[in-house]
Amino acid sequence: MNHNTPGVAAEQLNSAQLCRHQLILFEFRCQTLAHRVRCNQLQFIDAVDMADQAAVWSGLVDLAGDDLVQATMARAFMQVPRP
């Protein structure tokens, strides 16, 4: 195989990089939603539902797995005070 020809390893690396970038963006969006909950702009359950639906709709759950998506959401929303 020519070193300039992308193979399976290159495709897997690109997929791993894509997954990482999508998770970083998802975490940022979850933090934004959590901030909106803290500012009383959104209800907690609505924000969590929005984040979950976005992860499913975007394919992130299929790409990264449900456990990693849930852990990312938990990190963002654990800072929200409970009534």
N, C-alpha and C. Protein backbone atom coordinates (compact mmCIF):
# COMPACT_ATOMS: atom_id res chain seq x y z
N MET A 1 0.85 -1.18 0.00
CA MET A 1 0.00 0.00 0.00
C MET A 1 0.89 1.24 0.00
N ASN A 2 0.54 2.18 -0.78
CA ASN A 2 1.23 3.46 -0.85
C ASN A 2 0.94 4.25 0.42
N HIS A 3 1.95 4.91 0.98
CA HIS A 3 1.75 5.68 2.22
C HIS A 3 0.83 6.88 2.02
N ASN A 4 0.66 7.31 0.79
CA ASN A 4 -0.21 8.45 0.51
C ASN A 4 -1.66 8.02 0.27
N THR A 5 -1.90 6.73 0.21
CA THR A 5 -3.25 6.22 -0.01
C THR A 5 -3.93 6.01 1.33
N PRO A 6 -5.05 6.67 1.55
CA PRO A 6 -5.73 6.45 2.83
C PRO A 6 -6.29 5.04 2.88
N GLY A 7 -6.05 4.38 3.99
CA GLY A 7 -6.55 3.02 4.16
C GLY A 7 -7.53 2.98 5.32
N VAL A 8 -7.74 1.77 5.80
CA VAL A 8 -8.68 1.56 6.90
C VAL A 8 -8.22 2.31 8.14
N ALA A 9 -6.92 2.28 8.42
CA ALA A 9 -6.40 2.97 9.62
C ALA A 9 -6.66 4.47 9.54
N ALA A 10 -6.50 5.05 8.37
CA ALA A 10 -6.75 6.49 8.19
C ALA A 10 -8.23 6.79 8.38
N GLU A 11 -9.09 5.92 7.87
CA GLU A 11 -10.53 6.13 8.04
C GLU A 11 -10.92 6.03 9.51
N GLN A 12 -10.33 5.07 10.23
CA GLN A 12 -10.63 4.92 11.65
C GLN A 12 -10.13 6.12 12.43
N LEU A 13 -8.96 6.63 12.08
CA LEU A 13 -8.43 7.82 12.75
C LEU A 13 -9.35 9.00 12.49
N ASN A 14 -9.78 9.17 11.26
CA ASN A 14 -10.68 10.27 10.95
C ASN A 14 -11.99 10.12 11.71
N SER A 15 -12.48 8.91 11.83
CA SER A 15 -13.70 8.66 12.58
C SER A 15 -13.50 8.97 14.06
N ALA A 16 -12.36 8.58 14.60
CA ALA A 16 -12.07 8.86 16.01
C ALA A 16 -11.94 10.37 16.24
N GLN A 17 -11.29 11.06 15.32
CA GLN A 17 -11.16 12.51 15.44
C GLN A 17 -12.52 13.19 15.34
N LEU A 18 -13.34 12.71 14.42
CA LEU A 18 -14.69 13.28 14.27
C LEU A 18 -15.48 13.07 15.55
N CYS A 19 -15.41 11.88 16.10
CA CYS A 19 -16.13 11.58 17.35
C CYS A 19 -15.66 12.50 18.46
N ARG A 20 -14.35 12.68 18.59
CA ARG A 20 -13.79 13.55 19.63
C ARG A 20 -14.28 14.98 19.46
N HIS A 21 -14.24 15.47 18.24
CA HIS A 21 -14.68 16.85 17.99
C HIS A 21 -16.17 17.02 18.25
N GLN A 22 -16.94 16.03 17.87
CA GLN A 22 -18.39 16.11 18.12
C GLN A 22 -18.68 16.07 19.62
N LEU A 23 -17.92 15.27 20.37
CA LEU A 23 -18.12 15.22 21.82
C LEU A 23 -17.75 16.53 22.48
N ILE A 24 -16.69 17.16 22.01
CA ILE A 24 -16.28 18.46 22.56
C ILE A 24 -17.36 19.50 22.30
N LEU A 25 -17.88 19.53 21.09
CA LEU A 25 -18.95 20.46 20.76
C LEU A 25 -20.21 20.16 21.57
N PHE A 26 -20.53 18.87 21.71
CA PHE A 26 -21.70 18.48 22.48
C PHE A 26 -21.56 18.91 23.94
N GLU A 27 -20.37 18.74 24.50
CA GLU A 27 -20.15 19.14 25.89
C GLU A 27 -20.33 20.65 26.05
N PHE A 28 -19.82 21.41 25.09
CA PHE A 28 -19.98 22.86 25.13
C PHE A 28 -21.46 23.24 25.08
N ARG A 29 -22.22 22.57 24.20
CA ARG A 29 -23.65 22.86 24.09
C ARG A 29 -24.40 22.47 25.36
N CYS A 30 -24.00 21.36 25.98
CA CYS A 30 -24.63 20.95 27.25
C CYS A 30 -24.33 21.97 28.34
N GLN A 31 -23.12 22.49 28.37
CA GLN A 31 -22.78 23.52 29.36
C GLN A 31 -23.60 24.77 29.14
N THR A 32 -23.84 25.11 27.88
CA THR A 32 -24.68 26.27 27.56
C THR A 32 -26.10 26.05 28.04
N LEU A 33 -26.64 24.86 27.80
CA LEU A 33 -27.99 24.55 28.28
C LEU A 33 -28.04 24.59 29.80
N ALA A 34 -27.03 24.04 30.46
CA ALA A 34 -26.98 24.05 31.93
C ALA A 34 -26.94 25.48 32.45
N HIS A 35 -26.19 26.34 31.78
CA HIS A 35 -26.14 27.76 32.17
C HIS A 35 -27.52 28.40 32.04
N ARG A 36 -28.23 28.06 30.99
CA ARG A 36 -29.58 28.61 30.80
C ARG A 36 -30.54 28.13 31.88
N VAL A 37 -30.33 26.91 32.38
CA VAL A 37 -31.14 26.42 33.49
C VAL A 37 -30.82 27.22 34.75
N ARG A 38 -29.53 27.44 35.01
CA ARG A 38 -29.13 28.22 36.19
C ARG A 38 -29.67 29.64 36.14
N CYS A 39 -29.84 30.19 34.94
CA CYS A 39 -30.38 31.55 34.77
C CYS A 39 -31.90 31.57 34.68
N ASN A 40 -32.52 30.43 34.92
CA ASN A 40 -33.98 30.30 34.86
C ASN A 40 -34.57 30.59 33.49
N GLN A 41 -33.81 30.35 32.44
CA GLN A 41 -34.32 30.50 31.08
C GLN A 41 -34.93 29.21 30.56
N LEU A 42 -34.54 28.08 31.15
CA LEU A 42 -35.05 26.76 30.76
C LEU A 42 -35.29 25.94 32.02
N GLN A 43 -36.24 25.03 31.93
CA GLN A 43 -36.43 24.06 33.00
C GLN A 43 -35.36 22.97 32.84
N PHE A 44 -34.94 22.39 33.96
CA PHE A 44 -33.90 21.37 33.95
C PHE A 44 -34.27 20.22 33.01
N ILE A 45 -35.45 19.67 33.17
CA ILE A 45 -35.85 18.50 32.37
C ILE A 45 -35.91 18.83 30.89
N ASP A 46 -36.33 20.04 30.54
CA ASP A 46 -36.37 20.44 29.14
C ASP A 46 -34.97 20.54 28.55
N ALA A 47 -34.04 21.08 29.30
CA ALA A 47 -32.67 21.21 28.82
C ALA A 47 -32.02 19.84 28.63
N VAL A 48 -32.24 18.95 29.57
CA VAL A 48 -31.68 17.60 29.45
C VAL A 48 -32.30 16.87 28.26
N ASP A 49 -33.60 17.01 28.08
CA ASP A 49 -34.26 16.39 26.93
C ASP A 49 -33.73 16.96 25.62
N MET A 50 -33.52 18.26 25.57
CA MET A 50 -32.98 18.88 24.35
C MET A 50 -31.60 18.33 24.03
N ALA A 51 -30.76 18.21 25.04
CA ALA A 51 -29.41 17.69 24.83
C ALA A 51 -29.46 16.24 24.37
N ASP A 52 -30.29 15.45 25.01
CA ASP A 52 -30.40 14.03 24.65
C ASP A 52 -30.91 13.87 23.21
N GLN A 53 -31.95 14.61 22.87
CA GLN A 53 -32.50 14.53 21.51
C GLN A 53 -31.48 14.98 20.47
N ALA A 54 -30.70 16.00 20.79
CA ALA A 54 -29.67 16.48 19.86
C ALA A 54 -28.60 15.41 19.64
N ALA A 55 -28.22 14.71 20.70
CA ALA A 55 -27.21 13.66 20.58
C ALA A 55 -27.71 12.51 19.72
N VAL A 56 -28.97 12.15 19.89
CA VAL A 56 -29.55 11.07 19.08
C VAL A 56 -29.70 11.52 17.63
N TRP A 57 -30.29 12.70 17.44
CA TRP A 57 -30.55 13.22 16.10
C TRP A 57 -29.26 13.39 15.29
N SER A 58 -28.20 13.86 15.94
CA SER A 58 -26.95 14.13 15.22
C SER A 58 -26.15 12.87 14.93
N GLY A 59 -26.54 11.75 15.54
CA GLY A 59 -25.80 10.51 15.33
C GLY A 59 -24.68 10.32 16.34
N LEU A 60 -24.55 11.23 17.29
CA LEU A 60 -23.48 11.13 18.27
C LEU A 60 -23.62 9.89 19.14
N VAL A 61 -24.84 9.52 19.48
CA VAL A 61 -25.06 8.32 20.30
C VAL A 61 -24.57 7.09 19.54
N ASP A 62 -24.86 7.01 18.26
CA ASP A 62 -24.40 5.89 17.45
C ASP A 62 -22.88 5.89 17.30
N LEU A 63 -22.31 7.07 17.18
CA LEU A 63 -20.87 7.19 16.95
C LEU A 63 -20.06 6.96 18.23
N ALA A 64 -20.47 7.58 19.32
CA ALA A 64 -19.68 7.54 20.56
C ALA A 64 -20.20 6.54 21.58
N GLY A 65 -21.47 6.22 21.49
CA GLY A 65 -22.08 5.32 22.46
C GLY A 65 -22.87 6.09 23.50
N ASP A 66 -23.93 5.45 23.98
CA ASP A 66 -24.84 6.10 24.91
C ASP A 66 -24.16 6.43 26.24
N ASP A 67 -23.29 5.55 26.73
CA ASP A 67 -22.64 5.79 28.02
C ASP A 67 -21.78 7.05 28.00
N LEU A 68 -21.03 7.24 26.93
CA LEU A 68 -20.17 8.43 26.83
C LEU A 68 -21.00 9.70 26.68
N VAL A 69 -22.08 9.63 25.94
CA VAL A 69 -22.97 10.79 25.78
C VAL A 69 -23.60 11.13 27.13
N GLN A 70 -24.08 10.13 27.85
CA GLN A 70 -24.70 10.37 29.15
C GLN A 70 -23.69 10.94 30.15
N ALA A 71 -22.46 10.45 30.13
CA ALA A 71 -21.43 10.97 31.03
C ALA A 71 -21.10 12.42 30.70
N THR A 72 -21.10 12.76 29.43
CA THR A 72 -20.84 14.14 29.01
C THR A 72 -21.96 15.06 29.50
N MET A 73 -23.19 14.60 29.37
CA MET A 73 -24.33 15.38 29.84
C MET A 73 -24.28 15.53 31.36
N ALA A 74 -23.95 14.46 32.05
CA ALA A 74 -23.91 14.49 33.51
C ALA A 74 -22.88 15.50 34.01
N ARG A 75 -21.71 15.55 33.37
CA ARG A 75 -20.68 16.53 33.78
C ARG A 75 -21.20 17.96 33.66
N ALA A 76 -21.94 18.24 32.61
CA ALA A 76 -22.44 19.59 32.39
C ALA A 76 -23.55 19.94 33.35
N PHE A 77 -24.46 19.01 33.57
CA PHE A 77 -25.66 19.32 34.35
C PHE A 77 -25.50 19.08 35.85
N MET A 78 -24.42 18.45 36.27
CA MET A 78 -24.25 18.22 37.72
C MET A 78 -23.99 19.52 38.48
N GLN A 79 -23.62 20.55 37.78
CA GLN A 79 -23.36 21.85 38.40
C GLN A 79 -24.63 22.67 38.63
N VAL A 80 -25.75 22.20 38.07
CA VAL A 80 -27.01 22.94 38.20
C VAL A 80 -27.59 22.67 39.58
N PRO A 81 -27.86 23.73 40.36
CA PRO A 81 -28.43 23.54 41.69
C PRO A 81 -29.83 22.96 41.62
N ARG A 82 -30.15 22.10 42.56
CA ARG A 82 -31.47 21.48 42.63
C ARG A 82 -32.35 22.28 43.58
N PRO A 83 -33.64 22.40 43.26
CA PRO A 83 -34.56 23.15 44.16
C PRO A 83 -34.77 22.42 45.47
